[in-house]
Each structure stands twice: as structure tokens, then as C-alpha cells.
Amino acid sequence: TLAVLGTIDTLLTSIVADSITRTKHNP
């Protein structure tokens, strides 16, 4: 549960960062 939650939480934040910086993260 921790791993799945952390994965979802992190990668959704990465998508937000991409939208602001106009870059693309490496999931």
C-alpha cells in the first residue's frame, strides 16, 4: 500500500512539475 501510494503521489506530482517547467520526467 505504501509503495503504490508513494508511486501514485510522486508521479502525479511529476506530471504537475512537467506542466510548469515544460519538461518531461523519467518515471
mmCIF file of all heavy atoms, coordinates in Angstrom:
data_MODEL
# 
_entry.id   MODEL 
# 
loop_
_atom_site.group_PDB 
_atom_site.id 
_atom_site.type_symbol 
_atom_site.label_atom_id 
_atom_site.label_alt_id 
_atom_site.label_comp_id 
_atom_site.label_asym_id 
_atom_site.label_entity_id 
_atom_site.label_seq_id 
_atom_site.pdbx_PDB_ins_code 
_atom_site.Cartn_x 
_atom_site.Cartn_y 
_atom_site.Cartn_z 
_atom_site.occupancy 
_atom_site.B_iso_or_equiv 
_atom_site.pdbx_formal_charge 
_atom_site.auth_seq_id 
_atom_site.auth_comp_id 
_atom_site.auth_asym_id 
_atom_site.auth_atom_id 
_atom_site.pdbx_PDB_model_num 
ATOM 1   N N   . THR A 1 1  ? 0.830  -1.199 0.000   1.00 0.00 ? 1  THR A N   1 
ATOM 2   C CA  . THR A 1 1  ? 0.000  0.000  0.000   1.00 0.00 ? 1  THR A CA  1 
ATOM 3   C C   . THR A 1 1  ? 0.868  1.254  0.000   1.00 0.00 ? 1  THR A C   1 
ATOM 4   O O   . THR A 1 1  ? 0.617  2.196  -0.757  1.00 0.00 ? 1  THR A O   1 
ATOM 5   C CB  . THR A 1 1  ? -0.918 0.017  1.241   1.00 0.00 ? 1  THR A CB  1 
ATOM 6   O OG1 . THR A 1 1  ? -1.736 -1.148 1.237   1.00 0.00 ? 1  THR A OG1 1 
ATOM 7   C CG2 . THR A 1 1  ? -1.802 1.250  1.243   1.00 0.00 ? 1  THR A CG2 1 
ATOM 8   N N   . LEU A 1 2  ? 1.898  1.278  0.847   1.00 0.00 ? 2  LEU A N   1 
ATOM 9   C CA  . LEU A 1 2  ? 2.818  2.419  0.883   1.00 0.00 ? 2  LEU A CA  1 
ATOM 10  C C   . LEU A 1 2  ? 3.482  2.630  -0.475  1.00 0.00 ? 2  LEU A C   1 
ATOM 11  O O   . LEU A 1 2  ? 3.584  3.768  -0.959  1.00 0.00 ? 2  LEU A O   1 
ATOM 12  C CB  . LEU A 1 2  ? 3.901  2.172  1.937   1.00 0.00 ? 2  LEU A CB  1 
ATOM 13  C CG  . LEU A 1 2  ? 3.703  2.763  3.332   1.00 0.00 ? 2  LEU A CG  1 
ATOM 14  C CD1 . LEU A 1 2  ? 4.885  2.389  4.216   1.00 0.00 ? 2  LEU A CD1 1 
ATOM 15  C CD2 . LEU A 1 2  ? 3.534  4.266  3.279   1.00 0.00 ? 2  LEU A CD2 1 
ATOM 16  N N   . ALA A 1 3  ? 3.927  1.546  -1.081  1.00 0.00 ? 3  ALA A N   1 
ATOM 17  C CA  . ALA A 1 3  ? 4.624  1.648  -2.364  1.00 0.00 ? 3  ALA A CA  1 
ATOM 18  C C   . ALA A 1 3  ? 3.709  2.178  -3.456  1.00 0.00 ? 3  ALA A C   1 
ATOM 19  O O   . ALA A 1 3  ? 4.091  3.058  -4.238  1.00 0.00 ? 3  ALA A O   1 
ATOM 20  C CB  . ALA A 1 3  ? 5.184  0.283  -2.760  1.00 0.00 ? 3  ALA A CB  1 
ATOM 21  N N   . VAL A 1 4  ? 2.489  1.654  -3.519  1.00 0.00 ? 4  VAL A N   1 
ATOM 22  C CA  . VAL A 1 4  ? 1.537  2.105  -4.542  1.00 0.00 ? 4  VAL A CA  1 
ATOM 23  C C   . VAL A 1 4  ? 1.160  3.568  -4.322  1.00 0.00 ? 4  VAL A C   1 
ATOM 24  O O   . VAL A 1 4  ? 1.130  4.369  -5.257  1.00 0.00 ? 4  VAL A O   1 
ATOM 25  C CB  . VAL A 1 4  ? 0.280  1.208  -4.534  1.00 0.00 ? 4  VAL A CB  1 
ATOM 26  C CG1 . VAL A 1 4  ? -0.803 1.798  -5.431  1.00 0.00 ? 4  VAL A CG1 1 
ATOM 27  C CG2 . VAL A 1 4  ? 0.625  -0.200 -4.993  1.00 0.00 ? 4  VAL A CG2 1 
ATOM 28  N N   . LEU A 1 5  ? 0.873  3.912  -3.049  1.00 0.00 ? 5  LEU A N   1 
ATOM 29  C CA  . LEU A 1 5  ? 0.530  5.290  -2.737  1.00 0.00 ? 5  LEU A CA  1 
ATOM 30  C C   . LEU A 1 5  ? 1.662  6.242  -3.093  1.00 0.00 ? 5  LEU A C   1 
ATOM 31  O O   . LEU A 1 5  ? 1.458  7.293  -3.703  1.00 0.00 ? 5  LEU A O   1 
ATOM 32  C CB  . LEU A 1 5  ? 0.217  5.426  -1.250  1.00 0.00 ? 5  LEU A CB  1 
ATOM 33  C CG  . LEU A 1 5  ? -1.244 5.343  -0.820  1.00 0.00 ? 5  LEU A CG  1 
ATOM 34  C CD1 . LEU A 1 5  ? -1.348 5.579  0.670   1.00 0.00 ? 5  LEU A CD1 1 
ATOM 35  C CD2 . LEU A 1 5  ? -2.088 6.330  -1.572  1.00 0.00 ? 5  LEU A CD2 1 
ATOM 36  N N   . GLY A 1 6  ? 2.884  5.872  -2.676  1.00 0.00 ? 6  GLY A N   1 
ATOM 37  C CA  . GLY A 1 6  ? 4.034  6.715  -2.966  1.00 0.00 ? 6  GLY A CA  1 
ATOM 38  C C   . GLY A 1 6  ? 4.263  6.866  -4.452  1.00 0.00 ? 6  GLY A C   1 
ATOM 39  O O   . GLY A 1 6  ? 4.624  7.951  -4.927  1.00 0.00 ? 6  GLY A O   1 
ATOM 40  N N   . THR A 1 7  ? 4.028  5.797  -5.195  1.00 0.00 ? 7  THR A N   1 
ATOM 41  C CA  . THR A 1 7  ? 4.202  5.838  -6.651  1.00 0.00 ? 7  THR A CA  1 
ATOM 42  C C   . THR A 1 7  ? 3.190  6.785  -7.292  1.00 0.00 ? 7  THR A C   1 
ATOM 43  O O   . THR A 1 7  ? 3.549  7.641  -8.113  1.00 0.00 ? 7  THR A O   1 
ATOM 44  C CB  . THR A 1 7  ? 4.045  4.426  -7.238  1.00 0.00 ? 7  THR A CB  1 
ATOM 45  O OG1 . THR A 1 7  ? 5.075  3.583  -6.710  1.00 0.00 ? 7  THR A OG1 1 
ATOM 46  C CG2 . THR A 1 7  ? 4.117  4.445  -8.746  1.00 0.00 ? 7  THR A CG2 1 
ATOM 47  N N   . ILE A 1 8  ? 1.929  6.631  -6.915  1.00 0.00 ? 8  ILE A N   1 
ATOM 48  C CA  . ILE A 1 8  ? 0.886  7.495  -7.475  1.00 0.00 ? 8  ILE A CA  1 
ATOM 49  C C   . ILE A 1 8  ? 1.122  8.952  -7.097  1.00 0.00 ? 8  ILE A C   1 
ATOM 50  O O   . ILE A 1 8  ? 1.106  9.852  -7.948  1.00 0.00 ? 8  ILE A O   1 
ATOM 51  C CB  . ILE A 1 8  ? -0.504 7.032  -6.994  1.00 0.00 ? 8  ILE A CB  1 
ATOM 52  C CG1 . ILE A 1 8  ? -0.835 5.650  -7.555  1.00 0.00 ? 8  ILE A CG1 1 
ATOM 53  C CG2 . ILE A 1 8  ? -1.579 8.036  -7.405  1.00 0.00 ? 8  ILE A CG2 1 
ATOM 54  C CD1 . ILE A 1 8  ? -2.101 5.042  -6.978  1.00 0.00 ? 8  ILE A CD1 1 
ATOM 55  N N   . ASP A 1 9  ? 1.364  9.187  -5.802  1.00 0.00 ? 9  ASP A N   1 
ATOM 56  C CA  . ASP A 1 9  ? 1.574  10.541 -5.297  1.00 0.00 ? 9  ASP A CA  1 
ATOM 57  C C   . ASP A 1 9  ? 2.749  11.205 -6.009  1.00 0.00 ? 9  ASP A C   1 
ATOM 58  O O   . ASP A 1 9  ? 2.679  12.354 -6.456  1.00 0.00 ? 9  ASP A O   1 
ATOM 59  C CB  . ASP A 1 9  ? 1.832  10.476 -3.791  1.00 0.00 ? 9  ASP A CB  1 
ATOM 60  C CG  . ASP A 1 9  ? 1.356  11.723 -3.059  1.00 0.00 ? 9  ASP A CG  1 
ATOM 61  O OD1 . ASP A 1 9  ? 0.839  12.635 -3.722  1.00 0.00 ? 9  ASP A OD1 1 
ATOM 62  O OD2 . ASP A 1 9  ? 1.493  11.776 -1.832  1.00 0.00 ? 9  ASP A OD2 1 
ATOM 63  N N   . THR A 1 10 ? 3.846  10.474 -6.136  1.00 0.00 ? 10 THR A N   1 
ATOM 64  C CA  . THR A 1 10 ? 5.060  11.016 -6.744  1.00 0.00 ? 10 THR A CA  1 
ATOM 65  C C   . THR A 1 10 ? 4.876  11.334 -8.220  1.00 0.00 ? 10 THR A C   1 
ATOM 66  O O   . THR A 1 10 ? 5.219  12.428 -8.688  1.00 0.00 ? 10 THR A O   1 
ATOM 67  C CB  . THR A 1 10 ? 6.220  10.014 -6.576  1.00 0.00 ? 10 THR A CB  1 
ATOM 68  O OG1 . THR A 1 10 ? 6.522  9.889  -5.187  1.00 0.00 ? 10 THR A OG1 1 
ATOM 69  C CG2 . THR A 1 10 ? 7.456  10.482 -7.325  1.00 0.00 ? 10 THR A CG2 1 
ATOM 70  N N   . LEU A 1 11 ? 4.342  10.386 -8.963  1.00 0.00 ? 11 LEU A N   1 
ATOM 71  C CA  . LEU A 1 11 ? 4.261  10.571 -10.416 1.00 0.00 ? 11 LEU A CA  1 
ATOM 72  C C   . LEU A 1 11 ? 3.205  11.600 -10.800 1.00 0.00 ? 11 LEU A C   1 
ATOM 73  O O   . LEU A 1 11 ? 3.341  12.275 -11.825 1.00 0.00 ? 11 LEU A O   1 
ATOM 74  C CB  . LEU A 1 11 ? 4.003  9.228  -11.099 1.00 0.00 ? 11 LEU A CB  1 
ATOM 75  C CG  . LEU A 1 11 ? 5.141  8.216  -10.924 1.00 0.00 ? 11 LEU A CG  1 
ATOM 76  C CD1 . LEU A 1 11 ? 4.872  6.951  -11.723 1.00 0.00 ? 11 LEU A CD1 1 
ATOM 77  C CD2 . LEU A 1 11 ? 6.478  8.820  -11.354 1.00 0.00 ? 11 LEU A CD2 1 
ATOM 78  N N   . LEU A 1 12 ? 2.150  11.744 -9.990  1.00 0.00 ? 12 LEU A N   1 
ATOM 79  C CA  . LEU A 1 12 ? 1.199  12.822 -10.245 1.00 0.00 ? 12 LEU A CA  1 
ATOM 80  C C   . LEU A 1 12 ? 1.873  14.176 -10.008 1.00 0.00 ? 12 LEU A C   1 
ATOM 81  O O   . LEU A 1 12 ? 1.640  15.139 -10.754 1.00 0.00 ? 12 LEU A O   1 
ATOM 82  C CB  . LEU A 1 12 ? -0.030 12.676 -9.352  1.00 0.00 ? 12 LEU A CB  1 
ATOM 83  C CG  . LEU A 1 12 ? -0.967 11.517 -9.686  1.00 0.00 ? 12 LEU A CG  1 
ATOM 84  C CD1 . LEU A 1 12 ? -2.140 11.470 -8.702  1.00 0.00 ? 12 LEU A CD1 1 
ATOM 85  C CD2 . LEU A 1 12 ? -1.496 11.628 -11.111 1.00 0.00 ? 12 LEU A CD2 1 
ATOM 86  N N   . THR A 1 13 ? 2.705  14.262 -8.972  1.00 0.00 ? 13 THR A N   1 
ATOM 87  C CA  . THR A 1 13 ? 3.460  15.493 -8.736  1.00 0.00 ? 13 THR A CA  1 
ATOM 88  C C   . THR A 1 13 ? 4.443  15.747 -9.872  1.00 0.00 ? 13 THR A C   1 
ATOM 89  O O   . THR A 1 13 ? 4.643  16.897 -10.286 1.00 0.00 ? 13 THR A O   1 
ATOM 90  C CB  . THR A 1 13 ? 4.216  15.401 -7.398  1.00 0.00 ? 13 THR A CB  1 
ATOM 91  O OG1 . THR A 1 13 ? 3.270  15.218 -6.344  1.00 0.00 ? 13 THR A OG1 1 
ATOM 92  C CG2 . THR A 1 13 ? 5.013  16.663 -7.137  1.00 0.00 ? 13 THR A CG2 1 
ATOM 93  N N   . SER A 1 14 ? 5.057  14.692 -10.397 1.00 0.00 ? 14 SER A N   1 
ATOM 94  C CA  . SER A 1 14 ? 5.979  14.836 -11.520 1.00 0.00 ? 14 SER A CA  1 
ATOM 95  C C   . SER A 1 14 ? 5.271  15.409 -12.738 1.00 0.00 ? 14 SER A C   1 
ATOM 96  O O   . SER A 1 14 ? 5.826  16.241 -13.466 1.00 0.00 ? 14 SER A O   1 
ATOM 97  C CB  . SER A 1 14 ? 6.608  13.481 -11.872 1.00 0.00 ? 14 SER A CB  1 
ATOM 98  O OG  . SER A 1 14 ? 7.386  12.988 -10.809 1.00 0.00 ? 14 SER A OG  1 
ATOM 99  N N   . ILE A 1 15 ? 4.028  14.971 -12.952 1.00 0.00 ? 15 ILE A N   1 
ATOM 100 C CA  . ILE A 1 15 ? 3.246  15.487 -14.077 1.00 0.00 ? 15 ILE A CA  1 
ATOM 101 C C   . ILE A 1 15 ? 2.961  16.969 -13.890 1.00 0.00 ? 15 ILE A C   1 
ATOM 102 O O   . ILE A 1 15 ? 3.023  17.766 -14.837 1.00 0.00 ? 15 ILE A O   1 
ATOM 103 C CB  . ILE A 1 15 ? 1.939  14.680 -14.236 1.00 0.00 ? 15 ILE A CB  1 
ATOM 104 C CG1 . ILE A 1 15 ? 2.251  13.246 -14.684 1.00 0.00 ? 15 ILE A CG1 1 
ATOM 105 C CG2 . ILE A 1 15 ? 0.996  15.357 -15.236 1.00 0.00 ? 15 ILE A CG2 1 
ATOM 106 C CD1 . ILE A 1 15 ? 1.062  12.315 -14.661 1.00 0.00 ? 15 ILE A CD1 1 
ATOM 107 N N   . VAL A 1 16 ? 2.656  17.363 -12.640 1.00 0.00 ? 16 VAL A N   1 
ATOM 108 C CA  . VAL A 1 16 ? 2.433  18.782 -12.349 1.00 0.00 ? 16 VAL A CA  1 
ATOM 109 C C   . VAL A 1 16 ? 3.707  19.574 -12.630 1.00 0.00 ? 16 VAL A C   1 
ATOM 110 O O   . VAL A 1 16 ? 3.661  20.659 -13.237 1.00 0.00 ? 16 VAL A O   1 
ATOM 111 C CB  . VAL A 1 16 ? 1.998  18.972 -10.878 1.00 0.00 ? 16 VAL A CB  1 
ATOM 112 C CG1 . VAL A 1 16 ? 1.971  20.452 -10.510 1.00 0.00 ? 16 VAL A CG1 1 
ATOM 113 C CG2 . VAL A 1 16 ? 0.630  18.351 -10.640 1.00 0.00 ? 16 VAL A CG2 1 
ATOM 114 N N   . ALA A 1 17 ? 4.860  19.049 -12.195 1.00 0.00 ? 17 ALA A N   1 
ATOM 115 C CA  . ALA A 1 17 ? 6.137  19.733 -12.445 1.00 0.00 ? 17 ALA A CA  1 
ATOM 116 C C   . ALA A 1 17 ? 6.395  19.868 -13.938 1.00 0.00 ? 17 ALA A C   1 
ATOM 117 O O   . ALA A 1 17 ? 6.856  20.923 -14.407 1.00 0.00 ? 17 ALA A O   1 
ATOM 118 C CB  . ALA A 1 17 ? 7.272  18.962 -11.766 1.00 0.00 ? 17 ALA A CB  1 
ATOM 119 N N   . ASP A 1 18 ? 6.090  18.821 -14.704 1.00 0.00 ? 18 ASP A N   1 
ATOM 120 C CA  . ASP A 1 18 ? 6.265  18.883 -16.160 1.00 0.00 ? 18 ASP A CA  1 
ATOM 121 C C   . ASP A 1 18 ? 5.432  20.003 -16.775 1.00 0.00 ? 18 ASP A C   1 
ATOM 122 O O   . ASP A 1 18 ? 5.886  20.721 -17.673 1.00 0.00 ? 18 ASP A O   1 
ATOM 123 C CB  . ASP A 1 18 ? 5.858  17.554 -16.798 1.00 0.00 ? 18 ASP A CB  1 
ATOM 124 C CG  . ASP A 1 18 ? 6.876  16.444 -16.546 1.00 0.00 ? 18 ASP A CG  1 
ATOM 125 O OD1 . ASP A 1 18 ? 7.982  16.760 -16.061 1.00 0.00 ? 18 ASP A OD1 1 
ATOM 126 O OD2 . ASP A 1 18 ? 6.558  15.285 -16.838 1.00 0.00 ? 18 ASP A OD2 1 
ATOM 127 N N   . SER A 1 19 ? 4.196  20.138 -16.304 1.00 0.00 ? 19 SER A N   1 
ATOM 128 C CA  . SER A 1 19 ? 3.290  21.142 -16.876 1.00 0.00 ? 19 SER A CA  1 
ATOM 129 C C   . SER A 1 19 ? 3.789  22.560 -16.612 1.00 0.00 ? 19 SER A C   1 
ATOM 130 O O   . SER A 1 19 ? 3.536  23.463 -17.412 1.00 0.00 ? 19 SER A O   1 
ATOM 131 C CB  . SER A 1 19 ? 1.878  20.973 -16.301 1.00 0.00 ? 19 SER A CB  1 
ATOM 132 O OG  . SER A 1 19 ? 1.847  21.287 -14.920 1.00 0.00 ? 19 SER A OG  1 
ATOM 133 N N   . ILE A 1 20 ? 4.504  22.743 -15.495 1.00 0.00 ? 20 ILE A N   1 
ATOM 134 C CA  . ILE A 1 20 ? 5.013  24.083 -15.171 1.00 0.00 ? 20 ILE A CA  1 
ATOM 135 C C   . ILE A 1 20 ? 6.320  24.364 -15.905 1.00 0.00 ? 20 ILE A C   1 
ATOM 136 O O   . ILE A 1 20 ? 6.521  25.456 -16.450 1.00 0.00 ? 20 ILE A O   1 
ATOM 137 C CB  . ILE A 1 20 ? 5.227  24.221 -13.648 1.00 0.00 ? 20 ILE A CB  1 
ATOM 138 C CG1 . ILE A 1 20 ? 3.900  24.031 -12.903 1.00 0.00 ? 20 ILE A CG1 1 
ATOM 139 C CG2 . ILE A 1 20 ? 5.818  25.588 -13.308 1.00 0.00 ? 20 ILE A CG2 1 
ATOM 140 C CD1 . ILE A 1 20 ? 4.053  24.003 -11.395 1.00 0.00 ? 20 ILE A CD1 1 
ATOM 141 N N   . THR A 1 21 ? 7.212  23.387 -15.923 1.00 0.00 ? 21 THR A N   1 
ATOM 142 C CA  . THR A 1 21 ? 8.547  23.592 -16.490 1.00 0.00 ? 21 THR A CA  1 
ATOM 143 C C   . THR A 1 21 ? 8.624  23.272 -17.974 1.00 0.00 ? 21 THR A C   1 
ATOM 144 O O   . THR A 1 21 ? 9.645  23.542 -18.610 1.00 0.00 ? 21 THR A O   1 
ATOM 145 C CB  . THR A 1 21 ? 9.575  22.728 -15.751 1.00 0.00 ? 21 THR A CB  1 
ATOM 146 O OG1 . THR A 1 21 ? 9.223  21.335 -15.905 1.00 0.00 ? 21 THR A OG1 1 
ATOM 147 C CG2 . THR A 1 21 ? 9.598  23.063 -14.271 1.00 0.00 ? 21 THR A CG2 1 
ATOM 148 N N   . ARG A 1 22 ? 7.566  22.662 -18.505 1.00 0.00 ? 22 ARG A N   1 
ATOM 149 C CA  . ARG A 1 22 ? 7.527  22.238 -19.909 1.00 0.00 ? 22 ARG A CA  1 
ATOM 150 C C   . ARG A 1 22 ? 8.689  21.290 -20.235 1.00 0.00 ? 22 ARG A C   1 
ATOM 151 O O   . ARG A 1 22 ? 9.331  21.377 -21.277 1.00 0.00 ? 22 ARG A O   1 
ATOM 152 C CB  . ARG A 1 22 ? 7.536  23.448 -20.850 1.00 0.00 ? 22 ARG A CB  1 
ATOM 153 C CG  . ARG A 1 22 ? 6.236  24.229 -20.835 1.00 0.00 ? 22 ARG A CG  1 
ATOM 154 C CD  . ARG A 1 22 ? 6.234  25.344 -21.829 1.00 0.00 ? 22 ARG A CD  1 
ATOM 155 N NE  . ARG A 1 22 ? 7.210  26.367 -21.501 1.00 0.00 ? 22 ARG A NE  1 
ATOM 156 C CZ  . ARG A 1 22 ? 7.492  27.413 -22.263 1.00 0.00 ? 22 ARG A CZ  1 
ATOM 157 N NH1 . ARG A 1 22 ? 6.867  27.567 -23.424 1.00 0.00 ? 22 ARG A NH1 1 
ATOM 158 N NH2 . ARG A 1 22 ? 8.378  28.301 -21.892 1.00 0.00 ? 22 ARG A NH2 1 
ATOM 159 N N   . THR A 1 23 ? 8.956  20.404 -19.298 1.00 0.00 ? 23 THR A N   1 
ATOM 160 C CA  . THR A 1 23 ? 9.939  19.335 -19.495 1.00 0.00 ? 23 THR A CA  1 
ATOM 161 C C   . THR A 1 23 ? 9.222  17.999 -19.363 1.00 0.00 ? 23 THR A C   1 
ATOM 162 O O   . THR A 1 23 ? 8.010  17.956 -19.172 1.00 0.00 ? 23 THR A O   1 
ATOM 163 C CB  . THR A 1 23 ? 11.075 19.432 -18.455 1.00 0.00 ? 23 THR A CB  1 
ATOM 164 O OG1 . THR A 1 23 ? 10.506 19.401 -17.135 1.00 0.00 ? 23 THR A OG1 1 
ATOM 165 C CG2 . THR A 1 23 ? 11.864 20.721 -18.628 1.00 0.00 ? 23 THR A CG2 1 
ATOM 166 N N   . LYS A 1 24 ? 9.969  16.912 -19.447 1.00 0.00 ? 24 LYS A N   1 
ATOM 167 C CA  . LYS A 1 24 ? 9.364  15.581 -19.333 1.00 0.00 ? 24 LYS A CA  1 
ATOM 168 C C   . LYS A 1 24 ? 10.187 14.752 -18.359 1.00 0.00 ? 24 LYS A C   1 
ATOM 169 O O   . LYS A 1 24 ? 11.396 14.581 -18.544 1.00 0.00 ? 24 LYS A O   1 
ATOM 170 C CB  . LYS A 1 24 ? 9.306  14.895 -20.702 1.00 0.00 ? 24 LYS A CB  1 
ATOM 171 C CG  . LYS A 1 24 ? 8.552  13.563 -20.685 1.00 0.00 ? 24 LYS A CG  1 
ATOM 172 C CD  . LYS A 1 24 ? 8.409  13.027 -22.093 1.00 0.00 ? 24 LYS A CD  1 
ATOM 173 C CE  . LYS A 1 24 ? 7.675  11.687 -22.096 1.00 0.00 ? 24 LYS A CE  1 
ATOM 174 N NZ  . LYS A 1 24 ? 6.329  11.772 -21.536 1.00 0.00 ? 24 LYS A NZ  1 
ATOM 175 N N   . HIS A 1 25 ? 9.535  14.252 -17.307 1.00 0.00 ? 25 HIS A N   1 
ATOM 176 C CA  . HIS A 1 25 ? 10.244 13.471 -16.305 1.00 0.00 ? 25 HIS A CA  1 
ATOM 177 C C   . HIS A 1 25 ? 10.446 12.033 -16.767 1.00 0.00 ? 25 HIS A C   1 
ATOM 178 O O   . HIS A 1 25 ? 9.780  11.566 -17.700 1.00 0.00 ? 25 HIS A O   1 
ATOM 179 C CB  . HIS A 1 25 ? 9.477  13.480 -14.976 1.00 0.00 ? 25 HIS A CB  1 
ATOM 180 C CG  . HIS A 1 25 ? 8.217  12.670 -14.988 1.00 0.00 ? 25 HIS A CG  1 
ATOM 181 N ND1 . HIS A 1 25 ? 7.032  13.126 -15.550 1.00 0.00 ? 25 HIS A ND1 1 
ATOM 182 C CD2 . HIS A 1 25 ? 7.940  11.414 -14.522 1.00 0.00 ? 25 HIS A CD2 1 
ATOM 183 C CE1 . HIS A 1 25 ? 6.098  12.198 -15.416 1.00 0.00 ? 25 HIS A CE1 1 
ATOM 184 N NE2 . HIS A 1 25 ? 6.617  11.153 -14.802 1.00 0.00 ? 25 HIS A NE2 1 
ATOM 185 N N   . ASN A 1 26 ? 11.357 11.342 -16.108 1.00 0.00 ? 26 ASN A N   1 
ATOM 186 C CA  . ASN A 1 26 ? 11.609 9.922  -16.358 1.00 0.00 ? 26 ASN A CA  1 
ATOM 187 C C   . ASN A 1 26 ? 10.972 9.132  -15.220 1.00 0.00 ? 26 ASN A C   1 
ATOM 188 O O   . ASN A 1 26 ? 11.525 9.081  -14.115 1.00 0.00 ? 26 ASN A O   1 
ATOM 189 C CB  . ASN A 1 26 ? 13.116 9.658  -16.426 1.00 0.00 ? 26 ASN A CB  1 
ATOM 190 C CG  . ASN A 1 26 ? 13.444 8.213  -16.753 1.00 0.00 ? 26 ASN A CG  1 
ATOM 191 O OD1 . ASN A 1 26 ? 12.706 7.298  -16.402 1.00 0.00 ? 26 ASN A OD1 1 
ATOM 192 N ND2 . ASN A 1 26 ? 14.559 8.003  -17.426 1.00 0.00 ? 26 ASN A ND2 1 
ATOM 193 N N   . PRO A 1 27 ? 9.791  8.524  -15.428 1.00 0.00 ? 27 PRO A N   1 
ATOM 194 C CA  . PRO A 1 27 ? 9.080  7.868  -14.318 1.00 0.00 ? 27 PRO A CA  1 
ATOM 195 C C   . PRO A 1 27 ? 9.839  6.701  -13.711 1.00 0.00 ? 27 PRO A C   1 
ATOM 196 O O   . PRO A 1 27 ? 9.790  6.486  -12.493 1.00 0.00 ? 27 PRO A O   1 
ATOM 197 C CB  . PRO A 1 27 ? 7.766  7.408  -14.960 1.00 0.00 ? 27 PRO A CB  1 
ATOM 198 C CG  . PRO A 1 27 ? 8.051  7.329  -16.421 1.00 0.00 ? 27 PRO A CG  1 
ATOM 199 C CD  . PRO A 1 27 ? 9.063  8.390  -16.694 1.00 0.00 ? 27 PRO A CD  1 
# 
